[in-house]
Amino acid sequence: MRELPENIDADVVIEISKLLDEHPYMVPAPVHKFAGLVRQGQDRSTRSDHEELVIEMATTRQLAMVFDLPNHENVVPLPVRR
């Protein structure tokens, strides 16, 4: 186990761990949804810090992940080949 960054609270790690443990194994873990469910308490962490932690913890558990973006404005359209 690695050292936590200064801006991540141990309670955030525990919450993410519970979310991943309770999630069905054969269903991909929704990274953005889990990062949003984690409370943003008195620590200085951001949502992207939480997303990175969810990805790292899900990878350690060898879980599949889904990276659905919260809104469609962030999606870059693919060019159409002709």
N, C-alpha and C. Protein backbone atom coordinates (compact mmCIF):
# COMPACT_ATOMS: atom_id res chain seq x y z
N MET A 1 0.85 -1.18 0.00
CA MET A 1 0.00 0.00 0.00
C MET A 1 0.89 1.24 0.00
N ARG A 2 0.51 2.20 -0.78
CA ARG A 2 1.34 3.40 -0.90
C ARG A 2 0.87 4.49 0.05
N GLU A 3 1.71 5.49 0.23
CA GLU A 3 1.36 6.63 1.06
C GLU A 3 0.27 7.45 0.37
N LEU A 4 -0.66 7.96 1.15
CA LEU A 4 -1.70 8.82 0.60
C LEU A 4 -1.15 10.22 0.35
N PRO A 5 -1.59 10.85 -0.73
CA PRO A 5 -1.22 12.26 -0.91
C PRO A 5 -1.79 13.09 0.23
N GLU A 6 -1.19 14.23 0.48
CA GLU A 6 -1.62 15.08 1.61
C GLU A 6 -3.06 15.56 1.46
N ASN A 7 -3.53 15.71 0.22
CA ASN A 7 -4.87 16.26 0.03
C ASN A 7 -5.98 15.22 0.10
N ILE A 8 -5.65 13.92 0.23
CA ILE A 8 -6.66 12.86 0.31
C ILE A 8 -6.81 12.42 1.76
N ASP A 9 -8.05 12.43 2.22
CA ASP A 9 -8.36 12.01 3.58
C ASP A 9 -8.56 10.50 3.60
N ALA A 10 -8.21 9.86 4.68
CA ALA A 10 -8.36 8.40 4.81
C ALA A 10 -9.83 7.98 4.72
N ASP A 11 -10.75 8.85 5.16
CA ASP A 11 -12.18 8.53 5.07
C ASP A 11 -12.63 8.38 3.62
N VAL A 12 -12.02 9.16 2.72
CA VAL A 12 -12.35 9.06 1.30
C VAL A 12 -11.94 7.68 0.77
N VAL A 13 -10.78 7.21 1.17
CA VAL A 13 -10.30 5.89 0.75
C VAL A 13 -11.25 4.81 1.26
N ILE A 14 -11.71 4.94 2.49
CA ILE A 14 -12.63 3.96 3.07
C ILE A 14 -13.96 3.97 2.33
N GLU A 15 -14.47 5.16 1.99
CA GLU A 15 -15.74 5.24 1.26
C GLU A 15 -15.64 4.61 -0.12
N ILE A 16 -14.56 4.90 -0.82
CA ILE A 16 -14.37 4.31 -2.15
C ILE A 16 -14.23 2.80 -2.04
N SER A 17 -13.52 2.33 -1.04
CA SER A 17 -13.35 0.90 -0.83
C SER A 17 -14.69 0.22 -0.60
N LYS A 18 -15.55 0.84 0.20
CA LYS A 18 -16.88 0.27 0.44
C LYS A 18 -17.71 0.22 -0.84
N LEU A 19 -17.64 1.31 -1.64
CA LEU A 19 -18.38 1.33 -2.91
C LEU A 19 -17.93 0.22 -3.84
N LEU A 20 -16.63 0.02 -3.93
CA LEU A 20 -16.10 -1.02 -4.82
C LEU A 20 -16.40 -2.41 -4.29
N ASP A 21 -16.36 -2.59 -2.97
CA ASP A 21 -16.65 -3.90 -2.39
C ASP A 21 -18.11 -4.28 -2.55
N GLU A 22 -19.01 -3.32 -2.50
CA GLU A 22 -20.44 -3.58 -2.60
C GLU A 22 -20.91 -3.68 -4.05
N HIS A 23 -20.08 -3.24 -4.99
CA HIS A 23 -20.47 -3.26 -6.40
C HIS A 23 -20.35 -4.68 -6.95
N PRO A 24 -21.33 -5.11 -7.78
CA PRO A 24 -21.25 -6.46 -8.36
C PRO A 24 -19.97 -6.64 -9.17
N TYR A 25 -19.34 -7.78 -9.02
CA TYR A 25 -18.03 -8.04 -9.63
C TYR A 25 -18.08 -8.03 -11.16
N MET A 26 -19.12 -8.57 -11.74
CA MET A 26 -19.19 -8.71 -13.20
C MET A 26 -19.69 -7.45 -13.91
N VAL A 27 -20.08 -6.44 -13.17
CA VAL A 27 -20.57 -5.20 -13.75
C VAL A 27 -19.46 -4.16 -13.66
N PRO A 28 -19.15 -3.46 -14.77
CA PRO A 28 -18.08 -2.46 -14.71
C PRO A 28 -18.38 -1.36 -13.69
N ALA A 29 -17.36 -0.95 -12.98
CA ALA A 29 -17.51 0.10 -11.96
C ALA A 29 -17.54 1.46 -12.64
N PRO A 30 -18.58 2.26 -12.40
CA PRO A 30 -18.67 3.59 -13.00
C PRO A 30 -17.78 4.59 -12.26
N VAL A 31 -16.67 4.95 -12.87
CA VAL A 31 -15.66 5.78 -12.21
C VAL A 31 -16.20 7.15 -11.84
N HIS A 32 -16.83 7.84 -12.79
CA HIS A 32 -17.30 9.20 -12.51
C HIS A 32 -18.43 9.22 -11.48
N LYS A 33 -19.28 8.19 -11.53
CA LYS A 33 -20.38 8.11 -10.56
C LYS A 33 -19.84 7.89 -9.15
N PHE A 34 -18.90 6.96 -9.01
CA PHE A 34 -18.34 6.69 -7.69
C PHE A 34 -17.59 7.90 -7.15
N ALA A 35 -16.87 8.60 -8.01
CA ALA A 35 -16.15 9.80 -7.57
C ALA A 35 -17.13 10.87 -7.09
N GLY A 36 -18.31 10.94 -7.72
CA GLY A 36 -19.31 11.90 -7.31
C GLY A 36 -20.02 11.53 -6.02
N LEU A 37 -20.10 10.23 -5.74
CA LEU A 37 -20.78 9.78 -4.52
C LEU A 37 -19.94 10.01 -3.27
N VAL A 38 -18.64 10.09 -3.44
CA VAL A 38 -17.76 10.29 -2.30
C VAL A 38 -17.93 11.72 -1.81
N ARG A 39 -18.14 11.85 -0.54
CA ARG A 39 -18.35 13.20 0.01
C ARG A 39 -17.08 14.02 -0.11
N GLN A 40 -17.24 15.28 -0.39
CA GLN A 40 -16.08 16.16 -0.43
C GLN A 40 -16.08 16.93 0.88
N GLY A 41 -15.40 16.35 1.84
CA GLY A 41 -15.40 16.87 3.20
C GLY A 41 -14.44 18.01 3.40
N GLN A 42 -13.75 17.96 4.49
CA GLN A 42 -12.87 19.05 4.87
C GLN A 42 -11.48 18.91 4.28
N ASP A 43 -11.25 17.82 3.52
CA ASP A 43 -9.93 17.68 2.90
C ASP A 43 -9.85 18.56 1.66
N ARG A 44 -8.68 18.67 1.09
CA ARG A 44 -8.46 19.56 -0.05
C ARG A 44 -8.51 18.81 -1.37
N SER A 45 -9.06 17.62 -1.38
CA SER A 45 -9.09 16.83 -2.60
C SER A 45 -10.19 17.29 -3.54
N THR A 46 -9.97 17.06 -4.82
CA THR A 46 -10.94 17.43 -5.84
C THR A 46 -11.60 16.17 -6.40
N ARG A 47 -12.58 16.38 -7.24
CA ARG A 47 -13.26 15.23 -7.85
C ARG A 47 -12.29 14.43 -8.72
N SER A 48 -11.39 15.11 -9.41
CA SER A 48 -10.42 14.38 -10.24
C SER A 48 -9.48 13.54 -9.37
N ASP A 49 -9.16 14.03 -8.17
CA ASP A 49 -8.37 13.22 -7.23
C ASP A 49 -9.13 11.95 -6.85
N HIS A 50 -10.44 12.11 -6.63
CA HIS A 50 -11.27 10.96 -6.28
C HIS A 50 -11.37 9.99 -7.45
N GLU A 51 -11.49 10.52 -8.68
CA GLU A 51 -11.56 9.64 -9.85
C GLU A 51 -10.27 8.84 -9.99
N GLU A 52 -9.14 9.50 -9.79
CA GLU A 52 -7.85 8.82 -9.88
C GLU A 52 -7.74 7.71 -8.84
N LEU A 53 -8.25 7.98 -7.65
CA LEU A 53 -8.21 6.99 -6.58
C LEU A 53 -9.14 5.81 -6.87
N VAL A 54 -10.32 6.09 -7.43
CA VAL A 54 -11.25 5.02 -7.82
C VAL A 54 -10.59 4.12 -8.87
N ILE A 55 -9.93 4.74 -9.85
CA ILE A 55 -9.27 3.97 -10.91
C ILE A 55 -8.17 3.09 -10.33
N GLU A 56 -7.36 3.67 -9.46
CA GLU A 56 -6.27 2.90 -8.86
C GLU A 56 -6.79 1.74 -8.02
N MET A 57 -7.82 1.99 -7.22
CA MET A 57 -8.34 0.94 -6.35
C MET A 57 -9.08 -0.13 -7.15
N ALA A 58 -9.79 0.26 -8.21
CA ALA A 58 -10.48 -0.72 -9.05
C ALA A 58 -9.48 -1.57 -9.83
N THR A 59 -8.38 -0.95 -10.25
CA THR A 59 -7.34 -1.70 -10.96
C THR A 59 -6.70 -2.73 -10.03
N THR A 60 -6.46 -2.35 -8.80
CA THR A 60 -5.89 -3.28 -7.84
C THR A 60 -6.79 -4.48 -7.62
N ARG A 61 -8.11 -4.24 -7.66
CA ARG A 61 -9.08 -5.34 -7.48
C ARG A 61 -9.37 -6.07 -8.79
N GLN A 62 -8.75 -5.64 -9.88
CA GLN A 62 -8.95 -6.19 -11.22
C GLN A 62 -10.41 -6.11 -11.65
N LEU A 63 -11.04 -4.97 -11.38
CA LEU A 63 -12.42 -4.74 -11.78
C LEU A 63 -12.46 -4.02 -13.13
N ALA A 64 -13.48 -4.33 -13.90
CA ALA A 64 -13.71 -3.58 -15.13
C ALA A 64 -14.25 -2.21 -14.75
N MET A 65 -13.97 -1.20 -15.58
CA MET A 65 -14.42 0.16 -15.28
C MET A 65 -15.13 0.75 -16.48
N VAL A 66 -16.04 1.66 -16.20
CA VAL A 66 -16.75 2.41 -17.22
C VAL A 66 -16.43 3.88 -17.00
N PHE A 67 -16.09 4.57 -18.08
CA PHE A 67 -15.68 5.97 -17.98
C PHE A 67 -16.70 6.89 -18.65
N ASP A 68 -17.97 6.73 -18.31
CA ASP A 68 -19.00 7.61 -18.85
C ASP A 68 -18.82 9.00 -18.26
N LEU A 69 -18.78 9.97 -19.13
CA LEU A 69 -18.61 11.34 -18.67
C LEU A 69 -19.93 11.87 -18.13
N PRO A 70 -19.89 12.75 -17.13
CA PRO A 70 -21.12 13.24 -16.52
C PRO A 70 -21.99 14.06 -17.48
N ASN A 71 -21.39 14.77 -18.40
CA ASN A 71 -22.19 15.50 -19.39
C ASN A 71 -21.53 15.33 -20.75
N HIS A 72 -22.29 15.56 -21.79
CA HIS A 72 -21.79 15.30 -23.13
C HIS A 72 -20.97 16.44 -23.70
N GLU A 73 -20.84 17.54 -22.99
CA GLU A 73 -20.04 18.65 -23.48
C GLU A 73 -18.56 18.31 -23.47
N ASN A 74 -18.16 17.35 -22.63
CA ASN A 74 -16.75 16.98 -22.51
C ASN A 74 -16.31 15.98 -23.57
N VAL A 75 -17.23 15.48 -24.36
CA VAL A 75 -16.92 14.44 -25.33
C VAL A 75 -16.38 15.07 -26.61
N VAL A 76 -15.26 14.57 -27.07
CA VAL A 76 -14.68 15.04 -28.32
C VAL A 76 -15.24 14.18 -29.44
N PRO A 77 -15.87 14.79 -30.46
CA PRO A 77 -16.43 13.99 -31.53
C PRO A 77 -15.33 13.37 -32.39
N LEU A 78 -15.56 12.16 -32.83
CA LEU A 78 -14.61 11.49 -33.71
C LEU A 78 -14.82 11.98 -35.14
N PRO A 79 -13.75 12.19 -35.88
CA PRO A 79 -13.92 12.62 -37.28
C PRO A 79 -14.52 11.50 -38.13
N VAL A 80 -15.30 11.87 -39.09
CA VAL A 80 -15.93 10.91 -39.98
C VAL A 80 -14.99 10.65 -41.14
N ARG A 81 -14.67 9.38 -41.37
CA ARG A 81 -13.81 9.01 -42.50
C ARG A 81 -14.64 8.91 -43.76
N ARG A 82 -14.11 9.45 -44.83
CA ARG A 82 -14.83 9.36 -46.12
C ARG A 82 -13.99 8.68 -47.13
